[in-house]
Amino acid sequence: MKALKNGGWKHVRKELWKNRFLYLMLAIPLLYFFVFKYGAIGWLGIAFKNYNARAGLWKSKGVGLKYFKMFLNDPYFFTVLKNTIIISLCSLVFYFPVPIILALMINEVKGARKKKFVQTVTYLPYFISTVVVCNLAMYIFATDGIVNDVVVKVFGGKATTFLSDPKWFRPIYIITEIWQQAGWGSIIYLAALAGVDQDLYEAASIDGASRWKQMLHISIPGISSIISIQFLLTMGRMLNVGYEKVLLLYTGATYSTADIISTYVYRRGLIDANYSYGAAISIFQAVISLILICLANKAADKIGATSLW
């Protein structure tokens, strides 16, 4: 404080003004989190009230845990919970290793230009809008789409209605997720690989270790802490499946395998204007996610892996 009094505030104001445009850019995401994340916390109270828009939050009648019990007793509860867990587990099994493998492969590319080219190509899908990605998927997997053309003309099979077949929804979702997100997800692992001591590779090479063995015994252990942290964060998002893609890809025919908690909240909370019920489901979702990340963190501690706290 003494340093600030002795001309420190003047220096701070000078730096703030000098970098005002950078701070202005920073203010936009901060405002987003303040309004839509922290600001929304105060409205979670509607889950415990029979919310009426005219009466407002404070004057609406309290109903306790009515909407939580309603959701748990809903015949559709186990369907949306099962679909959410299955899609999350499929993402964990099939998607989670892909960015790691991709980062390891990019790390093995020789030549800076070639490596930059590969990185750019794999990153690009991330910047394509989810709406565009889903439209591409609909075009590719349509009855007269590319996939069916190959099945019919090359393999002599029959055209399949992929988009209206419940059993095909999850594979299509995972495929599009890998294509769009894997390149961007590999960035954090590439950053971790850049921090691995290069002398270890030189020493291993002198000892006769192949590139494969160097990857197994140097690269992977070098990023193991990042893998552990990313896994724990993924566990915390198990029930928060990306509903935008599900919402754009699913149809009434695929509800049995595609409808998840987030899309159910969207329909019941926003479309049906049952805000209290939707808020109750969201709180349930958040509590379960917190429990999952705490259990995963505890398990990481037990096995000696890197944990979040």
Protein backbone atom coordinates (compact mmCIF):
# COMPACT_ATOMS: atom_id res chain seq x y z
CA MET A 1 0.00 0.00 0.00
CA LYS A 2 2.87 2.34 0.82
CA ALA A 3 4.32 1.74 -2.66
CA LEU A 4 0.96 2.66 -4.21
CA LYS A 5 0.77 5.86 -2.17
CA ASN A 6 4.27 6.89 -3.26
CA GLY A 7 3.32 7.44 -6.89
CA GLY A 8 2.18 3.86 -7.43
CA TRP A 9 -1.40 4.77 -8.37
CA LYS A 10 -0.13 7.18 -10.97
CA HIS A 11 1.88 4.37 -12.57
CA VAL A 12 -1.15 2.04 -12.46
CA ARG A 13 -3.39 4.62 -14.14
CA LYS A 14 -0.72 5.21 -16.76
CA GLU A 15 -0.46 1.49 -17.54
CA LEU A 16 -4.25 1.11 -17.64
CA TRP A 17 -4.55 3.95 -20.12
CA LYS A 18 -1.62 2.71 -22.18
CA ASN A 19 -3.18 -0.77 -22.53
CA ARG A 20 -6.81 0.40 -22.51
CA PHE A 21 -7.75 -1.44 -25.71
CA LEU A 22 -6.38 -4.73 -24.38
CA TYR A 23 -8.35 -4.30 -21.14
CA LEU A 24 -11.43 -3.42 -23.19
CA MET A 25 -11.08 -6.69 -25.08
CA LEU A 26 -10.70 -8.51 -21.76
CA ALA A 27 -13.85 -6.82 -20.45
CA ILE A 28 -16.05 -8.56 -23.04
CA PRO A 29 -15.47 -12.17 -21.85
CA LEU A 30 -15.50 -10.98 -18.22
CA LEU A 31 -18.89 -9.35 -18.80
CA TYR A 32 -20.15 -12.58 -20.39
CA PHE A 33 -19.15 -14.68 -17.38
CA PHE A 34 -20.50 -12.10 -14.94
CA VAL A 35 -23.92 -11.89 -16.62
CA PHE A 36 -24.52 -15.46 -17.81
CA LYS A 37 -22.57 -17.45 -15.20
CA TYR A 38 -22.34 -15.57 -11.89
CA GLY A 39 -25.32 -13.31 -12.47
CA ALA A 40 -27.56 -16.29 -13.20
CA ILE A 41 -26.76 -17.90 -9.82
CA GLY A 42 -29.18 -15.58 -8.06
CA TRP A 43 -32.03 -16.83 -10.25
CA LEU A 44 -31.54 -20.47 -9.29
CA GLY A 45 -33.94 -19.77 -6.45
CA ILE A 46 -36.84 -20.20 -8.87
CA ALA A 47 -36.24 -23.97 -8.63
CA PHE A 48 -37.71 -23.79 -5.11
CA LYS A 49 -40.65 -21.58 -6.08
CA ASN A 50 -43.71 -21.71 -8.28
CA TYR A 51 -42.21 -18.96 -10.40
CA ASN A 52 -44.57 -16.43 -11.87
CA ALA A 53 -43.11 -13.83 -14.24
CA ARG A 54 -45.60 -11.19 -13.14
CA ALA A 55 -44.99 -11.71 -9.43
CA GLY A 56 -41.23 -11.93 -9.83
CA LEU A 57 -38.69 -14.06 -7.98
CA TRP A 58 -39.30 -12.81 -4.45
CA LYS A 59 -43.10 -12.73 -4.54
CA SER A 60 -43.53 -16.14 -6.19
CA LYS A 61 -44.87 -18.85 -3.87
CA GLY A 62 -42.26 -21.23 -2.40
CA VAL A 63 -42.77 -24.95 -3.09
CA GLY A 64 -39.64 -26.47 -1.53
CA LEU A 65 -38.30 -29.53 -3.37
CA LYS A 66 -41.45 -30.07 -5.42
CA TYR A 67 -39.77 -29.77 -8.83
CA PHE A 68 -36.80 -31.94 -7.85
CA LYS A 69 -39.19 -34.71 -6.79
CA MET A 70 -41.19 -34.18 -9.97
CA PHE A 71 -38.07 -34.73 -12.09
CA LEU A 72 -36.95 -37.81 -10.16
CA ASN A 73 -40.44 -39.31 -10.45
CA ASP A 74 -40.78 -38.39 -14.12
CA PRO A 75 -41.09 -41.59 -16.23
CA TYR A 76 -38.73 -39.94 -18.73
CA PHE A 77 -36.04 -39.33 -16.08
CA PHE A 78 -34.13 -42.58 -16.59
CA THR A 79 -34.26 -42.24 -20.38
CA VAL A 80 -32.61 -38.80 -20.50
CA LEU A 81 -30.15 -39.73 -17.74
CA LYS A 82 -29.18 -42.96 -19.53
CA ASN A 83 -28.74 -41.17 -22.87
CA THR A 84 -26.63 -38.44 -21.26
CA ILE A 85 -24.35 -40.94 -19.51
CA ILE A 86 -23.97 -43.17 -22.59
CA ILE A 87 -23.10 -40.25 -24.90
CA SER A 88 -20.66 -38.90 -22.29
CA LEU A 89 -18.99 -42.29 -21.85
CA CYS A 90 -18.74 -42.73 -25.62
CA SER A 91 -17.09 -39.31 -25.86
CA LEU A 92 -14.72 -40.24 -23.03
CA VAL A 93 -13.73 -43.55 -24.64
CA PHE A 94 -13.58 -42.52 -28.31
CA TYR A 95 -12.89 -38.77 -28.25
CA PHE A 96 -10.70 -38.17 -25.21
CA PRO A 97 -7.63 -40.13 -26.48
CA VAL A 98 -7.77 -38.58 -29.98
CA PRO A 99 -6.31 -35.11 -29.14
CA ILE A 100 -3.51 -36.84 -27.18
CA ILE A 101 -2.67 -39.16 -30.08
CA LEU A 102 -2.93 -36.27 -32.55
CA ALA A 103 -0.58 -34.12 -30.46
CA LEU A 104 1.96 -36.95 -30.25
CA MET A 105 1.76 -37.46 -34.02
CA ILE A 106 2.15 -33.73 -34.77
CA ASN A 107 5.10 -33.63 -32.39
CA GLU A 108 6.81 -36.27 -34.53
CA VAL A 109 6.43 -34.30 -37.78
CA LYS A 110 9.81 -33.12 -39.02
CA GLY A 111 10.20 -29.57 -40.29
CA ALA A 112 8.59 -26.43 -38.92
CA ARG A 113 6.58 -25.67 -42.10
CA LYS A 114 5.13 -29.18 -42.32
CA LYS A 115 4.23 -29.12 -38.64
CA LYS A 116 2.50 -25.72 -38.96
CA PHE A 117 0.58 -26.94 -42.01
CA VAL A 118 -0.67 -30.05 -40.19
CA GLN A 119 -1.61 -27.99 -37.15
CA THR A 120 -3.53 -25.47 -39.26
CA VAL A 121 -5.46 -28.20 -41.10
CA THR A 122 -6.46 -29.93 -37.85
CA TYR A 123 -7.40 -26.67 -36.09
CA LEU A 124 -9.63 -25.30 -38.87
CA PRO A 125 -12.76 -27.44 -38.18
CA TYR A 126 -12.98 -25.94 -34.68
CA PHE A 127 -13.69 -22.51 -36.18
CA ILE A 128 -16.59 -23.81 -38.26
CA SER A 129 -19.95 -23.04 -36.69
CA THR A 130 -21.74 -25.95 -35.00
CA VAL A 131 -24.75 -25.19 -37.20
CA VAL A 132 -22.60 -25.59 -40.34
CA VAL A 133 -21.03 -28.81 -39.00
CA CYS A 134 -24.48 -30.29 -38.32
CA ASN A 135 -25.71 -29.27 -41.79
CA LEU A 136 -22.65 -30.95 -43.31
CA ALA A 137 -23.40 -34.08 -41.29
CA MET A 138 -27.01 -34.03 -42.49
CA TYR A 139 -25.84 -33.70 -46.09
CA ILE A 140 -23.19 -36.43 -45.79
CA PHE A 141 -25.43 -38.93 -43.97
CA ALA A 142 -28.63 -38.15 -45.90
CA THR A 143 -30.39 -40.91 -47.85
CA ASP A 144 -28.90 -39.50 -51.07
CA GLY A 145 -25.70 -38.35 -49.36
CA ILE A 146 -22.08 -39.30 -49.86
CA VAL A 147 -22.05 -42.16 -47.34
CA ASN A 148 -25.10 -43.86 -48.86
CA ASP A 149 -23.67 -43.35 -52.36
CA VAL A 150 -20.55 -45.25 -51.32
CA VAL A 151 -22.61 -47.98 -49.61
CA VAL A 152 -24.86 -48.48 -52.65
CA LYS A 153 -22.48 -47.92 -55.58
CA VAL A 154 -19.25 -49.34 -54.15
CA PHE A 155 -20.40 -52.07 -51.77
CA GLY A 156 -23.75 -52.84 -53.38
CA GLY A 157 -25.68 -52.35 -50.14
CA LYS A 158 -28.96 -50.61 -49.40
CA ALA A 159 -29.36 -46.95 -48.54
CA THR A 160 -29.81 -46.32 -44.81
CA THR A 161 -31.72 -43.49 -43.18
CA PHE A 162 -28.91 -42.67 -40.76
CA LEU A 163 -30.40 -39.45 -39.39
CA SER A 164 -33.73 -41.01 -38.43
CA ASP A 165 -32.31 -44.28 -37.13
CA PRO A 166 -31.84 -44.14 -33.30
CA LYS A 167 -28.90 -46.55 -33.32
CA TRP A 168 -26.88 -44.29 -35.65
CA PHE A 169 -27.30 -41.05 -33.74
CA ARG A 170 -24.48 -41.63 -31.22
CA PRO A 171 -21.87 -42.70 -33.80
CA ILE A 172 -22.69 -39.65 -35.94
CA TYR A 173 -22.44 -37.38 -32.90
CA ILE A 174 -19.05 -38.81 -31.86
CA ILE A 175 -17.65 -38.67 -35.42
CA THR A 176 -18.59 -35.00 -35.84
CA GLU A 177 -17.27 -34.21 -32.35
CA ILE A 178 -13.89 -35.79 -33.10
CA TRP A 179 -13.63 -34.04 -36.47
CA GLN A 180 -14.51 -30.62 -35.08
CA GLN A 181 -12.82 -30.64 -31.66
CA ALA A 182 -9.78 -32.95 -31.82
CA GLY A 183 -7.38 -30.50 -33.48
CA TRP A 184 -8.18 -27.70 -31.06
CA GLY A 185 -8.05 -30.08 -28.10
CA SER A 186 -4.52 -31.13 -29.06
CA ILE A 187 -3.15 -27.61 -28.46
CA ILE A 188 -2.78 -28.03 -24.70
CA TYR A 189 -0.92 -31.32 -25.15
CA LEU A 190 1.37 -29.81 -27.79
CA ALA A 191 2.16 -27.00 -25.33
CA ALA A 192 2.99 -29.59 -22.68
CA LEU A 193 5.19 -31.53 -25.12
CA ALA A 194 7.08 -28.33 -25.92
CA GLY A 195 8.00 -28.13 -22.24
CA VAL A 196 9.55 -31.61 -22.11
CA ASP A 197 13.33 -31.46 -21.72
CA GLN A 198 14.84 -32.05 -25.18
CA ASP A 199 18.03 -33.42 -23.60
CA LEU A 200 16.03 -36.50 -22.60
CA TYR A 201 15.33 -37.26 -26.28
CA GLU A 202 18.98 -36.77 -27.18
CA ALA A 203 20.12 -39.06 -24.36
CA ALA A 204 17.56 -41.70 -25.35
CA SER A 205 18.62 -41.47 -29.00
CA ILE A 206 22.28 -41.98 -28.04
CA ASP A 207 21.25 -45.05 -26.02
CA GLY A 208 19.59 -46.45 -29.15
CA ALA A 209 15.93 -45.80 -28.29
CA SER A 210 13.66 -45.61 -31.32
CA ARG A 211 11.15 -42.76 -31.81
CA TRP A 212 8.39 -45.11 -30.66
CA LYS A 213 10.21 -45.88 -27.40
CA GLN A 214 11.00 -42.20 -26.89
CA MET A 215 7.31 -41.46 -27.23
CA LEU A 216 6.34 -44.18 -24.75
CA HIS A 217 9.00 -43.43 -22.14
CA ILE A 218 9.52 -39.65 -22.50
CA SER A 219 6.66 -37.90 -24.33
CA ILE A 220 3.70 -39.60 -22.65
CA PRO A 221 5.13 -39.46 -19.09
CA GLY A 222 6.04 -35.81 -19.77
CA ILE A 223 2.40 -34.88 -20.38
CA SER A 224 0.82 -37.32 -17.91
CA SER A 225 -0.06 -34.55 -15.45
CA ILE A 226 -1.92 -32.60 -18.18
CA ILE A 227 -3.74 -35.77 -19.25
CA SER A 228 -4.80 -36.37 -15.65
CA ILE A 229 -6.12 -32.82 -15.20
CA GLN A 230 -7.98 -32.91 -18.52
CA PHE A 231 -9.53 -36.24 -17.57
CA LEU A 232 -10.74 -34.83 -14.25
CA LEU A 233 -12.25 -31.79 -15.97
CA THR A 234 -13.96 -34.09 -18.47
CA MET A 235 -15.44 -36.09 -15.61
CA GLY A 236 -16.90 -32.87 -14.24
CA ARG A 237 -18.62 -32.28 -17.58
CA MET A 238 -20.06 -35.78 -17.87
CA LEU A 239 -23.67 -34.58 -17.65
CA ASN A 240 -23.04 -31.40 -19.64
CA VAL A 241 -23.05 -32.92 -23.11
CA GLY A 242 -22.92 -30.28 -25.85
CA TYR A 243 -26.63 -29.81 -26.32
CA GLU A 244 -26.28 -27.50 -29.35
CA LYS A 245 -25.12 -30.33 -31.60
CA VAL A 246 -27.65 -32.77 -30.15
CA LEU A 247 -30.43 -30.20 -30.60
CA LEU A 248 -29.49 -29.66 -34.25
CA LEU A 249 -29.01 -33.34 -35.13
CA TYR A 250 -31.79 -35.15 -33.31
CA THR A 251 -35.34 -35.67 -34.55
CA GLY A 252 -38.48 -37.07 -32.97
CA ALA A 253 -37.51 -40.50 -34.32
CA THR A 254 -34.18 -40.48 -32.46
CA TYR A 255 -35.39 -39.23 -29.07
CA SER A 256 -34.95 -42.71 -27.56
CA THR A 257 -31.15 -42.48 -27.89
CA ALA A 258 -30.50 -38.77 -28.49
CA ASP A 259 -32.58 -36.89 -25.92
CA ILE A 260 -30.33 -35.77 -23.05
CA ILE A 261 -30.80 -33.74 -19.87
CA SER A 262 -29.80 -30.45 -21.53
CA THR A 263 -32.26 -30.81 -24.43
CA TYR A 264 -34.97 -31.93 -22.00
CA VAL A 265 -34.36 -28.76 -19.95
CA TYR A 266 -34.58 -26.71 -23.15
CA ARG A 267 -37.94 -28.19 -24.10
CA ARG A 268 -39.52 -28.23 -20.65
CA GLY A 269 -37.93 -25.07 -19.26
CA LEU A 270 -37.91 -22.73 -22.26
CA ILE A 271 -40.31 -24.10 -24.87
CA ASP A 272 -42.97 -25.05 -22.28
CA ALA A 273 -42.09 -21.96 -20.17
CA ASN A 274 -41.79 -24.13 -17.02
CA TYR A 275 -38.82 -22.18 -15.70
CA SER A 276 -38.90 -23.57 -12.16
CA TYR A 277 -38.83 -27.16 -13.40
CA GLY A 278 -35.98 -26.39 -15.81
CA ALA A 279 -33.97 -24.66 -13.06
CA ALA A 280 -34.47 -27.65 -10.74
CA ILE A 281 -33.13 -30.03 -13.38
CA SER A 282 -30.14 -27.76 -14.01
CA ILE A 283 -29.31 -27.72 -10.28
CA PHE A 284 -29.60 -31.51 -10.15
CA GLN A 285 -27.24 -31.71 -13.13
CA ALA A 286 -24.71 -29.35 -11.51
CA VAL A 287 -24.75 -31.21 -8.17
CA ILE A 288 -24.14 -34.59 -9.83
CA SER A 289 -21.31 -33.06 -11.90
CA LEU A 290 -19.72 -31.70 -8.71
CA ILE A 291 -19.96 -35.11 -7.04
CA LEU A 292 -18.39 -36.81 -10.07
CA ILE A 293 -15.42 -34.43 -10.24
CA CYS A 294 -14.85 -34.77 -6.47
CA LEU A 295 -14.90 -38.59 -6.69
CA ALA A 296 -12.57 -38.56 -9.72
CA ASN A 297 -10.20 -36.17 -7.94
CA LYS A 298 -10.17 -38.40 -4.85
CA ALA A 299 -9.43 -41.43 -7.03
CA ALA A 300 -6.56 -39.56 -8.71
CA ASP A 301 -5.11 -38.82 -5.25
CA LYS A 302 -5.37 -42.48 -4.29
CA ILE A 303 -3.46 -43.74 -7.33
CA GLY A 304 -0.86 -40.98 -7.10
CA ALA A 305 -1.92 -39.13 -10.27
CA THR A 306 -2.06 -35.36 -10.59
CA SER A 307 -5.24 -34.00 -9.02
CA LEU A 308 -7.00 -30.63 -9.14
CA TRP A 309 -6.67 -30.00 -5.39
